[in-house]
Amino acid sequence: MKGNQNRTRLYLIRHGEVEERYHRIFGGRIDMELSALGHEQAHRLAESLSKTHMDALYVSPMIRARQTLAPLARQNRPTAQTMAGLREIDFGAWTGLGWDQVAELFGKSAFDWLHHIEQDEISEAENATQFRSRVEPCVHQVLNENAGRQAAMVCHGGVIRMILSILLDLPFSRMSCFEIDYASVSVVEIAGPRREIQLLNLAPWRELL
């Protein structure tokens, strides 16, 4: 369904599963590729969205996001615009470490990474303010360019949580209550000051595989 003059619908799409060697690793700025399953997830996701109208597509410059976009982009879609600000958060000293290693080396729970980012507790990492300062202009640009239309942003779990934090006007750490799965789509409808989550973390590949 096409958007209308009063409502903008934003589709937030996370990339598919990454290479196995990066599972349960703080990848962040590492420019990894999708796994074989990740490519299959991307195809299944594209199939599920084949009848969904998109006025515009935006994508992170990172390989995993561009590979996820590829099957969707082949469906006679608008040419995707690459946005540098949509790259995944930089985890600083945690980059490349497993969740258990983070606990051993830094005495912090990896499960609470959004809180640690918000409190600027990860050495050399982007904090929430820095992260927001590059993601928020992307959100404003997409909304300004697509008033009353439908647009998709193909990016990363951390970025999607920051976008939700911005749109819902909630602290970044509160986004820990939202699961953002591989190759999932979440939909937010914007009408003036109103923001409504219409769909959250739908991963169509789970039912289709």
Protein backbone atom coordinates (compact mmCIF):
# COMPACT_ATOMS: atom_id res chain seq x y z
CA MET A 1 0.00 0.00 0.00
CA LYS A 2 1.34 3.40 -0.93
CA GLY A 3 1.75 6.09 1.70
CA ASN A 4 -0.50 9.14 1.81
CA GLN A 5 -0.03 12.83 2.41
CA ASN A 6 -0.33 12.51 6.17
CA ARG A 7 1.57 9.32 6.98
CA THR A 8 5.14 8.27 6.36
CA ARG A 9 5.97 4.61 6.78
CA LEU A 10 9.55 3.65 7.58
CA TYR A 11 10.73 0.06 7.11
CA LEU A 12 13.78 -0.77 9.24
CA ILE A 13 15.55 -3.86 7.90
CA ARG A 14 18.46 -5.56 9.64
CA HIS A 15 21.07 -7.46 7.63
CA GLY A 16 21.07 -11.25 7.53
CA GLU A 17 23.20 -13.62 9.56
CA VAL A 18 26.94 -12.94 9.30
CA GLU A 19 29.85 -15.32 8.81
CA GLU A 20 30.00 -17.95 11.55
CA ARG A 21 33.37 -16.76 12.84
CA TYR A 22 31.67 -13.51 13.92
CA HIS A 23 28.79 -15.08 15.83
CA ARG A 24 28.48 -13.70 19.38
CA ILE A 25 31.29 -11.31 18.55
CA PHE A 26 31.17 -7.53 18.86
CA GLY A 27 31.65 -6.91 15.14
CA GLY A 28 30.65 -3.28 14.86
CA ARG A 29 33.06 -1.66 12.42
CA ILE A 30 34.35 -5.01 11.05
CA ASP A 31 33.16 -5.20 7.45
CA MET A 32 32.10 -8.87 7.44
CA GLU A 33 30.03 -10.72 4.85
CA LEU A 34 26.82 -12.71 5.20
CA SER A 35 26.89 -16.44 5.88
CA ALA A 36 25.23 -18.88 3.46
CA LEU A 37 22.17 -18.79 5.73
CA GLY A 38 22.34 -14.98 5.76
CA HIS A 39 22.08 -14.90 1.97
CA GLU A 40 19.10 -17.26 2.11
CA GLN A 41 17.47 -15.08 4.76
CA ALA A 42 17.94 -12.03 2.53
CA HIS A 43 16.21 -13.81 -0.37
CA ARG A 44 13.33 -14.92 1.85
CA LEU A 45 12.95 -11.42 3.26
CA ALA A 46 12.87 -9.96 -0.26
CA GLU A 47 10.18 -12.48 -1.25
CA SER A 48 8.04 -11.49 1.72
CA LEU A 49 8.32 -7.80 0.74
CA SER A 50 7.86 -8.33 -3.00
CA LYS A 51 4.36 -6.82 -2.97
CA THR A 52 5.23 -4.01 -0.56
CA HIS A 53 5.56 -0.65 -2.28
CA MET A 54 8.78 1.24 -1.57
CA ASP A 55 9.29 4.82 -2.72
CA ALA A 56 12.94 4.89 -1.64
CA LEU A 57 15.71 2.63 -0.35
CA TYR A 58 18.64 3.59 1.87
CA VAL A 59 21.50 1.33 2.90
CA SER A 60 24.54 1.23 5.16
CA PRO A 61 27.84 1.12 3.24
CA MET A 62 28.87 -2.08 5.05
CA ILE A 63 29.05 -5.30 3.04
CA ARG A 64 26.56 -7.26 5.17
CA ALA A 65 23.89 -4.61 4.65
CA ARG A 66 24.52 -4.27 0.91
CA GLN A 67 24.38 -8.05 0.46
CA THR A 68 21.06 -8.11 2.31
CA LEU A 69 19.71 -5.34 0.11
CA ALA A 70 20.71 -7.07 -3.16
CA PRO A 71 17.68 -9.41 -3.58
CA LEU A 72 15.29 -6.60 -2.66
CA ALA A 73 16.98 -4.18 -5.05
CA ARG A 74 16.50 -6.61 -7.95
CA GLN A 75 12.71 -6.29 -7.66
CA ASN A 76 12.44 -3.22 -9.91
CA ARG A 77 12.96 -0.94 -6.90
CA PRO A 78 14.29 2.61 -6.77
CA THR A 79 18.09 2.82 -6.75
CA ALA A 80 19.29 2.62 -3.15
CA GLN A 81 21.11 5.57 -1.64
CA THR A 82 24.14 4.67 0.49
CA MET A 83 24.35 6.56 3.78
CA ALA A 84 27.66 6.52 5.66
CA GLY A 85 25.85 7.43 8.88
CA LEU A 86 24.01 4.10 8.87
CA ARG A 87 27.15 2.01 9.48
CA GLU A 88 27.12 -0.07 12.65
CA ILE A 89 28.27 1.37 15.97
CA ASP A 90 31.99 1.26 16.73
CA PHE A 91 32.55 -0.91 19.83
CA GLY A 92 36.07 0.38 20.38
CA ALA A 93 38.11 -1.93 22.61
CA TRP A 94 35.36 -4.57 22.47
CA THR A 95 35.63 -4.93 18.69
CA GLY A 96 36.34 -8.52 17.67
CA LEU A 97 35.83 -9.87 21.19
CA GLY A 98 33.35 -12.55 22.17
CA TRP A 99 30.75 -12.01 24.86
CA ASP A 100 32.65 -14.20 27.35
CA GLN A 101 35.90 -12.35 26.62
CA VAL A 102 34.25 -9.02 27.42
CA ALA A 103 33.24 -10.34 30.84
CA GLU A 104 36.73 -11.75 31.48
CA LEU A 105 38.70 -8.70 30.31
CA PHE A 106 36.45 -5.85 31.39
CA GLY A 107 34.16 -7.31 34.06
CA LYS A 108 31.06 -6.16 32.19
CA SER A 109 28.04 -8.05 30.92
CA ALA A 110 27.78 -8.08 27.13
CA PHE A 111 24.00 -8.31 27.50
CA ASP A 112 24.04 -4.75 28.90
CA TRP A 113 25.98 -3.23 25.99
CA LEU A 114 23.37 -0.54 25.28
CA HIS A 115 23.67 0.68 28.88
CA HIS A 116 27.47 0.66 28.67
CA ILE A 117 27.36 2.64 25.41
CA GLU A 118 24.93 5.13 26.93
CA GLN A 119 27.16 5.60 29.98
CA ASP A 120 30.32 5.88 27.86
CA GLU A 121 31.84 2.89 29.65
CA ILE A 122 33.50 1.16 26.68
CA SER A 123 37.02 2.36 25.95
CA GLU A 124 37.52 3.89 22.48
CA ALA A 125 33.91 3.14 21.50
CA GLU A 126 31.30 5.57 20.23
CA ASN A 127 29.08 6.66 23.09
CA ALA A 128 25.34 7.15 22.64
CA THR A 129 25.70 10.88 21.96
CA GLN A 130 28.30 10.35 19.25
CA PHE A 131 26.34 7.48 17.74
CA ARG A 132 23.13 9.50 17.67
CA SER A 133 24.91 12.50 16.12
CA ARG A 134 25.58 10.54 12.92
CA VAL A 135 22.39 8.45 12.77
CA GLU A 136 19.89 11.24 13.48
CA PRO A 137 20.72 13.32 10.35
CA CYS A 138 20.07 10.19 8.27
CA VAL A 139 16.65 9.76 9.90
CA HIS A 140 15.74 13.40 9.27
CA GLN A 141 16.90 13.20 5.66
CA VAL A 142 14.87 10.06 4.97
CA LEU A 143 11.75 11.53 6.57
CA ASN A 144 12.16 14.87 4.77
CA GLU A 145 12.62 13.17 1.41
CA ASN A 146 9.71 10.80 1.89
CA ALA A 147 6.90 12.73 3.56
CA GLY A 148 3.68 10.78 3.00
CA ARG A 149 5.58 7.93 1.36
CA GLN A 150 7.19 4.59 2.23
CA ALA A 151 10.94 4.14 2.59
CA ALA A 152 13.21 1.33 3.75
CA MET A 153 16.53 1.58 5.59
CA VAL A 154 18.73 -1.53 5.40
CA CYS A 155 21.26 -1.40 8.20
CA HIS A 156 22.24 -2.94 11.55
CA GLY A 157 20.83 -3.97 14.91
CA GLY A 158 22.49 -1.14 16.81
CA VAL A 159 21.47 1.42 14.19
CA ILE A 160 17.85 0.26 14.20
CA ARG A 161 17.75 0.55 17.98
CA MET A 162 19.13 4.08 17.74
CA ILE A 163 16.55 5.00 15.08
CA LEU A 164 13.78 3.69 17.36
CA SER A 165 15.29 5.64 20.27
CA ILE A 166 15.17 8.82 18.17
CA LEU A 167 11.67 8.29 16.80
CA LEU A 168 10.15 7.21 20.12
CA ASP A 169 12.09 9.81 22.14
CA LEU A 170 13.31 7.17 24.59
CA PRO A 171 16.80 6.55 26.04
CA PHE A 172 19.01 4.32 23.91
CA SER A 173 19.41 1.83 26.76
CA ARG A 174 15.64 1.30 26.82
CA MET A 175 15.88 -0.23 23.37
CA SER A 176 17.30 -3.37 24.97
CA CYS A 177 13.68 -4.47 25.42
CA PHE A 178 13.35 -4.78 21.62
CA GLU A 179 14.77 -7.84 19.89
CA ILE A 180 16.07 -7.01 16.41
CA ASP A 181 16.79 -10.32 14.71
CA TYR A 182 18.85 -11.04 11.63
CA ALA A 183 16.96 -10.26 8.39
CA SER A 184 14.05 -8.81 10.31
CA VAL A 185 11.80 -5.90 9.41
CA SER A 186 10.23 -3.40 11.77
CA VAL A 187 7.81 -0.72 10.62
CA VAL A 188 7.22 2.70 12.17
CA GLU A 189 4.49 5.01 10.93
CA ILE A 190 5.00 8.74 11.38
CA ALA A 191 2.13 11.20 11.23
CA GLY A 192 3.12 14.65 12.50
CA PRO A 193 4.26 14.23 16.11
CA ARG A 194 2.75 10.74 16.36
CA ARG A 195 5.02 7.70 16.08
CA GLU A 196 3.48 4.24 15.98
CA ILE A 197 5.29 0.91 15.79
CA GLN A 198 3.16 -1.11 13.39
CA LEU A 199 5.48 -4.09 13.13
CA LEU A 200 8.43 -5.17 15.24
CA ASN A 201 11.12 -7.74 14.49
CA LEU A 202 9.24 -9.77 11.87
CA ALA A 203 11.66 -12.37 10.45
CA PRO A 204 9.75 -14.03 7.60
CA TRP A 205 12.56 -16.51 6.88
CA ARG A 206 11.79 -18.35 10.15
CA GLU A 207 8.49 -19.57 8.74
CA LEU A 208 9.62 -20.02 5.13
CA LEU A 209 12.82 -22.03 5.60
